[in-house]
Amino acid sequence: MRASIASGGRITVPKAIRDYLGLRAGSTVQFVRLPSGDIVLRRTSWKRKSASVVTTRLRRRATLRMTTEEIMALTRDK
């Protein structure tokens, strides 16, 4: 597969490669030079989930039922 470098040094990773590596908007990649001189493109991370998605998942895991007053009592000095 071939790709062209645009002005400013940008390059579009071909769709087949993005799909294979699981790259999406916000993913980061690393270019690694091997001893042979070849360059390898590696995925380094995925886009982070928004805080609302994380807190929603955490809320679902709560098993202890407490009223607001009981929770507030735990946070206050006794």
PDB file of N, CA and C in Angstrom:
ATOM      1  N   MET A   1       0.836  -1.169   0.000  1.00  0.00           N
ATOM      2  CA  MET A   1       0.000   0.000   0.000  1.00  0.00           C
ATOM      3  C   MET A   1       0.883   1.235   0.000  1.00  0.00           C
ATOM      4  N   ARG A   2       0.397   2.252  -0.652  1.00  0.00           N
ATOM      5  CA  ARG A   2       1.136   3.504  -0.716  1.00  0.00           C
ATOM      6  C   ARG A   2       0.316   4.634  -0.134  1.00  0.00           C
ATOM      7  N   ALA A   3       1.008   5.634   0.363  1.00  0.00           N
ATOM      8  CA  ALA A   3       0.364   6.846   0.858  1.00  0.00           C
ATOM      9  C   ALA A   3       1.288   8.012   0.545  1.00  0.00           C
ATOM     10  N   SER A   4       0.709   9.172   0.335  1.00  0.00           N
ATOM     11  CA  SER A   4       1.489  10.376   0.041  1.00  0.00           C
ATOM     12  C   SER A   4       1.575  11.253   1.284  1.00  0.00           C
ATOM     13  N   ILE A   5       2.690  11.955   1.387  1.00  0.00           N
ATOM     14  CA  ILE A   5       2.865  12.899   2.486  1.00  0.00           C
ATOM     15  C   ILE A   5       2.381  14.260   2.014  1.00  0.00           C
ATOM     16  N   ALA A   6       1.454  14.852   2.757  1.00  0.00           N
ATOM     17  CA  ALA A   6       0.896  16.159   2.417  1.00  0.00           C
ATOM     18  C   ALA A   6       1.798  17.257   2.969  1.00  0.00           C
ATOM     19  N   SER A   7       1.487  18.492   2.585  1.00  0.00           N
ATOM     20  CA  SER A   7       2.249  19.610   3.129  1.00  0.00           C
ATOM     21  C   SER A   7       2.106  19.603   4.650  1.00  0.00           C
ATOM     22  N   GLY A   8       3.145  19.935   5.340  1.00  0.00           N
ATOM     23  CA  GLY A   8       3.118  19.902   6.801  1.00  0.00           C
ATOM     24  C   GLY A   8       3.496  18.543   7.350  1.00  0.00           C
ATOM     25  N   GLY A   9       3.810  17.582   6.488  1.00  0.00           N
ATOM     26  CA  GLY A   9       4.255  16.267   6.935  1.00  0.00           C
ATOM     27  C   GLY A   9       3.156  15.300   7.312  1.00  0.00           C
ATOM     28  N   ARG A  10       1.913  15.623   7.015  1.00  0.00           N
ATOM     29  CA  ARG A  10       0.807  14.725   7.369  1.00  0.00           C
ATOM     30  C   ARG A  10       0.684  13.601   6.350  1.00  0.00           C
ATOM     31  N   ILE A  11       0.261  12.459   6.879  1.00  0.00           N
ATOM     32  CA  ILE A  11       0.058  11.298   6.017  1.00  0.00           C
ATOM     33  C   ILE A  11      -1.240  10.615   6.443  1.00  0.00           C
ATOM     34  N   THR A  12      -1.969  10.103   5.489  1.00  0.00           N
ATOM     35  CA  THR A  12      -3.188   9.365   5.786  1.00  0.00           C
ATOM     36  C   THR A  12      -2.848   7.887   5.818  1.00  0.00           C
ATOM     37  N   VAL A  13      -3.148   7.243   6.941  1.00  0.00           N
ATOM     38  CA  VAL A  13      -2.917   5.807   7.064  1.00  0.00           C
ATOM     39  C   VAL A  13      -4.040   5.111   6.298  1.00  0.00           C
ATOM     40  N   PRO A  14      -3.701   4.233   5.366  1.00  0.00           N
ATOM     41  CA  PRO A  14      -4.740   3.548   4.586  1.00  0.00           C
ATOM     42  C   PRO A  14      -5.755   2.833   5.486  1.00  0.00           C
ATOM     43  N   LYS A  15      -6.997   2.800   5.038  1.00  0.00           N
ATOM     44  CA  LYS A  15      -8.088   2.227   5.828  1.00  0.00           C
ATOM     45  C   LYS A  15      -7.812   0.788   6.246  1.00  0.00           C
ATOM     46  N   ALA A  16      -7.263  -0.011   5.367  1.00  0.00           N
ATOM     47  CA  ALA A  16      -6.985  -1.414   5.697  1.00  0.00           C
ATOM     48  C   ALA A  16      -6.017  -1.508   6.886  1.00  0.00           C
ATOM     49  N   ILE A  17      -5.040  -0.615   6.946  1.00  0.00           N
ATOM     50  CA  ILE A  17      -4.082  -0.606   8.054  1.00  0.00           C
ATOM     51  C   ILE A  17      -4.762  -0.104   9.329  1.00  0.00           C
ATOM     52  N   ARG A  18      -5.573   0.961   9.209  1.00  0.00           N
ATOM     53  CA  ARG A  18      -6.307   1.471  10.382  1.00  0.00           C
ATOM     54  C   ARG A  18      -7.195   0.387  10.966  1.00  0.00           C
ATOM     55  N   ASP A  19      -7.902  -0.334  10.098  1.00  0.00           N
ATOM     56  CA  ASP A  19      -8.783  -1.410  10.567  1.00  0.00           C
ATOM     57  C   ASP A  19      -7.984  -2.528  11.235  1.00  0.00           C
ATOM     58  N   TYR A  20      -6.867  -2.904  10.635  1.00  0.00           N
ATOM     59  CA  TYR A  20      -6.044  -3.983  11.167  1.00  0.00           C
ATOM     60  C   TYR A  20      -5.494  -3.634  12.545  1.00  0.00           C
ATOM     61  N   LEU A  21      -5.044  -2.388  12.721  1.00  0.00           N
ATOM     62  CA  LEU A  21      -4.480  -1.955  14.000  1.00  0.00           C
ATOM     63  C   LEU A  21      -5.531  -1.468  14.985  1.00  0.00           C
ATOM     64  N   GLY A  22      -6.779  -1.334  14.536  1.00  0.00           N
ATOM     65  CA  GLY A  22      -7.839  -0.839  15.409  1.00  0.00           C
ATOM     66  C   GLY A  22      -7.698   0.646  15.694  1.00  0.00           C
ATOM     67  N   LEU A  23      -7.168   1.393  14.734  1.00  0.00           N
ATOM     68  CA  LEU A  23      -6.971   2.827  14.919  1.00  0.00           C
ATOM     69  C   LEU A  23      -8.258   3.582  14.666  1.00  0.00           C
ATOM     70  N   ARG A  24      -8.526   4.549  15.524  1.00  0.00           N
ATOM     71  CA  ARG A  24      -9.675   5.433  15.378  1.00  0.00           C
ATOM     72  C   ARG A  24      -9.186   6.861  15.593  1.00  0.00           C
ATOM     73  N   ALA A  25     -10.047   7.815  15.363  1.00  0.00           N
ATOM     74  CA  ALA A  25      -9.693   9.211  15.629  1.00  0.00           C
ATOM     75  C   ALA A  25      -9.279   9.328  17.090  1.00  0.00           C
ATOM     76  N   GLY A  26      -8.161   9.933  17.350  1.00  0.00           N
ATOM     77  CA  GLY A  26      -7.657  10.083  18.710  1.00  0.00           C
ATOM     78  C   GLY A  26      -6.656   9.021  19.119  1.00  0.00           C
ATOM     79  N   SER A  27      -6.539   7.942  18.339  1.00  0.00           N
ATOM     80  CA  SER A  27      -5.535   6.919  18.640  1.00  0.00           C
ATOM     81  C   SER A  27      -4.149   7.510  18.445  1.00  0.00           C
ATOM     82  N   THR A  28      -3.188   6.998  19.186  1.00  0.00           N
ATOM     83  CA  THR A  28      -1.814   7.423  18.970  1.00  0.00           C
ATOM     84  C   THR A  28      -1.006   6.250  18.435  1.00  0.00           C
ATOM     85  N   VAL A  29      -0.006   6.572  17.645  1.00  0.00           N
ATOM     86  CA  VAL A  29       0.850   5.558  17.046  1.00  0.00           C
ATOM     87  C   VAL A  29       2.302   5.913  17.304  1.00  0.00           C
ATOM     88  N   GLN A  30       3.138   4.938  17.132  1.00  0.00           N
ATOM     89  CA  GLN A  30       4.562   5.130  17.317  1.00  0.00           C
ATOM     90  C   GLN A  30       5.268   4.571  16.087  1.00  0.00           C
ATOM     91  N   PHE A  31       6.270   5.304  15.601  1.00  0.00           N
ATOM     92  CA  PHE A  31       7.100   4.825  14.505  1.00  0.00           C
ATOM     93  C   PHE A  31       8.385   4.284  15.129  1.00  0.00           C
ATOM     94  N   VAL A  32       8.714   3.025  14.828  1.00  0.00           N
ATOM     95  CA  VAL A  32       9.877   2.371  15.419  1.00  0.00           C
ATOM     96  C   VAL A  32      10.829   1.975  14.301  1.00  0.00           C
ATOM     97  N   ARG A  33      12.088   2.367  14.450  1.00  0.00           N
ATOM     98  CA  ARG A  33      13.097   1.955  13.466  1.00  0.00           C
ATOM     99  C   ARG A  33      13.737   0.662  13.939  1.00  0.00           C
ATOM    100  N   LEU A  34      13.656  -0.363  13.117  1.00  0.00           N
ATOM    101  CA  LEU A  34      14.233  -1.662  13.434  1.00  0.00           C
ATOM    102  C   LEU A  34      15.715  -1.672  13.063  1.00  0.00           C
ATOM    103  N   PRO A  35      16.500  -2.610  13.623  1.00  0.00           N
ATOM    104  CA  PRO A  35      17.916  -2.692  13.279  1.00  0.00           C
ATOM    105  C   PRO A  35      18.153  -2.866  11.774  1.00  0.00           C
ATOM    106  N   SER A  36      17.192  -3.450  11.088  1.00  0.00           N
ATOM    107  CA  SER A  36      17.324  -3.654   9.640  1.00  0.00           C
ATOM    108  C   SER A  36      17.159  -2.346   8.864  1.00  0.00           C
ATOM    109  N   GLY A  37      16.678  -1.293   9.557  1.00  0.00           N
ATOM    110  CA  GLY A  37      16.427  -0.019   8.896  1.00  0.00           C
ATOM    111  C   GLY A  37      14.965   0.168   8.522  1.00  0.00           C
ATOM    112  N   ASP A  38      14.173  -0.888   8.619  1.00  0.00           N
ATOM    113  CA  ASP A  38      12.742  -0.780   8.333  1.00  0.00           C
ATOM    114  C   ASP A  38      12.061   0.042   9.424  1.00  0.00           C
ATOM    115  N   ILE A  39      10.978   0.670   9.057  1.00  0.00           N
ATOM    116  CA  ILE A  39      10.175   1.450  10.002  1.00  0.00           C
ATOM    117  C   ILE A  39       8.859   0.713  10.222  1.00  0.00           C
ATOM    118  N   VAL A  40       8.472   0.578  11.479  1.00  0.00           N
ATOM    119  CA  VAL A  40       7.237  -0.119  11.844  1.00  0.00           C
ATOM    120  C   VAL A  40       6.300   0.881  12.511  1.00  0.00           C
ATOM    121  N   LEU A  41       5.024   0.807  12.165  1.00  0.00           N
ATOM    122  CA  LEU A  41       3.992   1.633  12.781  1.00  0.00           C
ATOM    123  C   LEU A  41       3.287   0.785  13.833  1.00  0.00           C
ATOM    124  N   ARG A  42       3.270   1.271  15.082  1.00  0.00           N
ATOM    125  CA  ARG A  42       2.614   0.529  16.164  1.00  0.00           C
ATOM    126  C   ARG A  42       1.549   1.392  16.822  1.00  0.00           C
ATOM    127  N   ARG A  43       0.442   0.763  17.166  1.00  0.00           N
ATOM    128  CA  ARG A  43      -0.597   1.452  17.938  1.00  0.00           C
ATOM    129  C   ARG A  43      -0.096   1.542  19.371  1.00  0.00           C
ATOM    130  N   THR A  44      -0.225   2.718  19.994  1.00  0.00           N
ATOM    131  CA  THR A  44       0.228   2.863  21.376  1.00  0.00           C
ATOM    132  C   THR A  44      -0.914   3.037  22.356  1.00  0.00           C
ATOM    133  N   SER A  45      -2.061   3.538  21.906  1.00  0.00           N
ATOM    134  CA  SER A  45      -3.177   3.691  22.834  1.00  0.00           C
ATOM    135  C   SER A  45      -4.467   3.902  22.074  1.00  0.00           C
ATOM    136  N   TRP A  46      -5.551   3.795  22.800  1.00  0.00           N
ATOM    137  CA  TRP A  46      -6.867   4.077  22.261  1.00  0.00           C
ATOM    138  C   TRP A  46      -7.325   5.400  22.808  1.00  0.00           C
ATOM    139  N   LYS A  47      -8.327   5.967  22.167  1.00  0.00           N
ATOM    140  CA  LYS A  47      -8.913   7.198  22.674  1.00  0.00           C
ATOM    141  C   LYS A  47      -9.546   6.911  24.032  1.00  0.00           C
ATOM    142  N   ARG A  48      -9.320   7.799  24.973  1.00  0.00           N
ATOM    143  CA  ARG A  48      -9.865   7.601  26.311  1.00  0.00           C
ATOM    144  C   ARG A  48     -11.368   7.819  26.321  1.00  0.00           C
ATOM    145  N   LYS A  49     -12.029   7.093  27.190  1.00  0.00           N
ATOM    146  CA  LYS A  49     -13.471   7.244  27.336  1.00  0.00           C
ATOM    147  C   LYS A  49     -13.763   8.514  28.122  1.00  0.00           C
ATOM    148  N   SER A  50     -14.879   9.122  27.823  1.00  0.00           N
ATOM    149  CA  SER A  50     -15.249  10.337  28.534  1.00  0.00           C
ATOM    150  C   SER A  50     -15.561  10.009  29.990  1.00  0.00           C
ATOM    151  N   ALA A  51     -15.437  10.994  30.841  1.00  0.00           N
ATOM    152  CA  ALA A  51     -15.675  10.804  32.274  1.00  0.00           C
ATOM    153  C   ALA A  51     -17.103  10.345  32.541  1.00  0.00           C
ATOM    154  N   SER A  52     -18.053  10.815  31.740  1.00  0.00           N
ATOM    155  CA  SER A  52     -19.448  10.421  31.976  1.00  0.00           C
ATOM    156  C   SER A  52     -19.656   8.931  31.729  1.00  0.00           C
ATOM    157  N   VAL A  53     -18.953   8.361  30.747  1.00  0.00           N
ATOM    158  CA  VAL A  53     -19.070   6.925  30.477  1.00  0.00           C
ATOM    159  C   VAL A  53     -18.490   6.138  31.643  1.00  0.00           C
ATOM    160  N   VAL A  54     -17.358   6.574  32.152  1.00  0.00           N
ATOM    161  CA  VAL A  54     -16.710   5.882  33.265  1.00  0.00           C
ATOM    162  C   VAL A  54     -17.570   5.959  34.517  1.00  0.00           C
ATOM    163  N   THR A  55     -18.083   7.150  34.847  1.00  0.00           N
ATOM    164  CA  THR A  55     -18.886   7.274  36.063  1.00  0.00           C
ATOM    165  C   THR A  55     -20.190   6.500  35.959  1.00  0.00           C
ATOM    166  N   THR A  56     -20.766   6.426  34.771  1.00  0.00           N
ATOM    167  CA  THR A  56     -21.985   5.639  34.590  1.00  0.00           C
ATOM    168  C   THR A  56     -21.709   4.173  34.880  1.00  0.00           C
ATOM    169  N   ARG A  57     -20.582   3.671  34.408  1.00  0.00           N
ATOM    170  CA  ARG A  57     -20.239   2.269  34.666  1.00  0.00           C
ATOM    171  C   ARG A  57     -19.979   2.036  36.150  1.00  0.00           C
ATOM    172  N   LEU A  58     -19.336   2.983  36.810  1.00  0.00           N
ATOM    173  CA  LEU A  58     -19.079   2.827  38.238  1.00  0.00           C
ATOM    174  C   LEU A  58     -20.368   2.850  39.039  1.00  0.00           C
ATOM    175  N   ARG A  59     -21.304   3.695  38.644  1.00  0.00           N
ATOM    176  CA  ARG A  59     -22.586   3.756  39.350  1.00  0.00           C
ATOM    177  C   ARG A  59     -23.297   2.417  39.320  1.00  0.00           C
ATOM    178  N   ARG A  60     -23.194   1.723  38.226  1.00  0.00           N
ATOM    179  CA  ARG A  60     -23.887   0.448  38.097  1.00  0.00           C
ATOM    180  C   ARG A  60     -23.320  -0.615  39.029  1.00  0.00           C
ATOM    181  N   ARG A  61     -22.124  -0.416  39.531  1.00  0.00           N
ATOM    182  CA  ARG A  61     -21.476  -1.430  40.355  1.00  0.00           C
ATOM    183  C   ARG A  61     -21.795  -1.276  41.837  1.00  0.00           C
ATOM    184  N   ALA A  62     -22.411  -0.204  42.219  1.00  0.00           N
ATOM    185  CA  ALA A  62     -22.714   0.019  43.628  1.00  0.00           C
ATOM    186  C   ALA A  62     -23.712  -1.018  44.117  1.00  0.00           C
ATOM    187  N   THR A  63     -23.389  -1.629  45.230  1.00  0.00           N
ATOM    188  CA  THR A  63     -24.285  -2.656  45.772  1.00  0.00           C
ATOM    189  C   THR A  63     -24.837  -2.263  47.131  1.00  0.00           C
ATOM    190  N   LEU A  64     -24.224  -1.279  47.771  1.00  0.00           N
ATOM    191  CA  LEU A  64     -24.661  -0.842  49.088  1.00  0.00           C
ATOM    192  C   LEU A  64     -25.687   0.267  48.927  1.00  0.00           C
ATOM    193  N   ARG A  65     -26.847   0.107  49.519  1.00  0.00           N
ATOM    194  CA  ARG A  65     -27.897   1.115  49.431  1.00  0.00           C
ATOM    195  C   ARG A  65     -27.809   2.038  50.636  1.00  0.00           C
ATOM    196  N   MET A  66     -27.539   3.331  50.376  1.00  0.00           N
ATOM    197  CA  MET A  66     -27.462   4.305  51.448  1.00  0.00           C
ATOM    198  C   MET A  66     -28.249   5.545  51.046  1.00  0.00           C
ATOM    199  N   THR A  67     -28.818   6.197  52.020  1.00  0.00           N
ATOM    200  CA  THR A  67     -29.508   7.459  51.745  1.00  0.00           C
ATOM    201  C   THR A  67     -28.466   8.563  51.649  1.00  0.00           C
ATOM    202  N   THR A  68     -28.873   9.701  51.116  1.00  0.00           N
ATOM    203  CA  THR A  68     -27.978  10.849  51.019  1.00  0.00           C
ATOM    204  C   THR A  68     -27.503  11.274  52.405  1.00  0.00           C
ATOM    205  N   GLU A  69     -28.404  11.263  53.363  1.00  0.00           N
ATOM    206  CA  GLU A  69     -28.040  11.650  54.732  1.00  0.00           C
ATOM    207  C   GLU A  69     -26.981  10.714  55.311  1.00  0.00           C
ATOM    208  N   GLU A  70     -27.092   9.423  55.062  1.00  0.00           N
ATOM    209  CA  GLU A  70     -26.101   8.468  55.562  1.00  0.00           C
ATOM    210  C   GLU A  70     -24.737   8.700  54.913  1.00  0.00           C
ATOM    211  N   ILE A  71     -24.741   8.992  53.648  1.00  0.00           N
ATOM    212  CA  ILE A  71     -23.481   9.265  52.942  1.00  0.00           C
ATOM    213  C   ILE A  71     -22.859  10.538  53.467  1.00  0.00           C
ATOM    214  N   MET A  72     -23.671  11.591  53.649  1.00  0.00           N
ATOM    215  CA  MET A  72     -23.159  12.851  54.174  1.00  0.00           C
ATOM    216  C   MET A  72     -22.599  12.693  55.579  1.00  0.00           C
ATOM    217  N   ALA A  73     -23.224  11.840  56.391  1.00  0.00           N
ATOM    218  CA  ALA A  73     -22.743  11.587  57.747  1.00  0.00           C
ATOM    219  C   ALA A  73     -21.352  10.956  57.715  1.00  0.00           C
ATOM    220  N   LEU A  74     -21.079  10.139  56.723  1.00  0.00           N
ATOM    221  CA  LEU A  74     -19.769   9.510  56.608  1.00  0.00           C
ATOM    222  C   LEU A  74     -18.678  10.523  56.258  1.00  0.00           C
ATOM    223  N   THR A  75     -19.040  11.588  55.565  1.00  0.00           N
ATOM    224  CA  THR A  75     -18.043  12.565  55.147  1.00  0.00           C
ATOM    225  C   THR A  75     -17.801  13.659  56.172  1.00  0.00           C
ATOM    226  N   ARG A  76     -18.671  13.760  57.152  1.00  0.00           N
ATOM    227  CA  ARG A  76     -18.539  14.794  58.186  1.00  0.00           C
ATOM    228  C   ARG A  76     -17.690  14.311  59.351  1.00  0.00           C
ATOM    229  N   ASP A  77     -17.059  15.272  60.037  1.00  0.00           N
ATOM    230  CA  ASP A  77     -16.330  14.921  61.253  1.00  0.00           C
ATOM    231  C   ASP A  77     -17.323  14.499  62.313  1.00  0.00           C
ATOM    232  N   LYS A  78     -16.941  13.521  63.079  1.00  0.00           N
ATOM    233  CA  LYS A  78     -17.842  13.021  64.136  1.00  0.00           C
ATOM    234  C   LYS A  78     -17.474  13.594  65.470  1.00  0.00           C
TER     235      LYS A  78
END
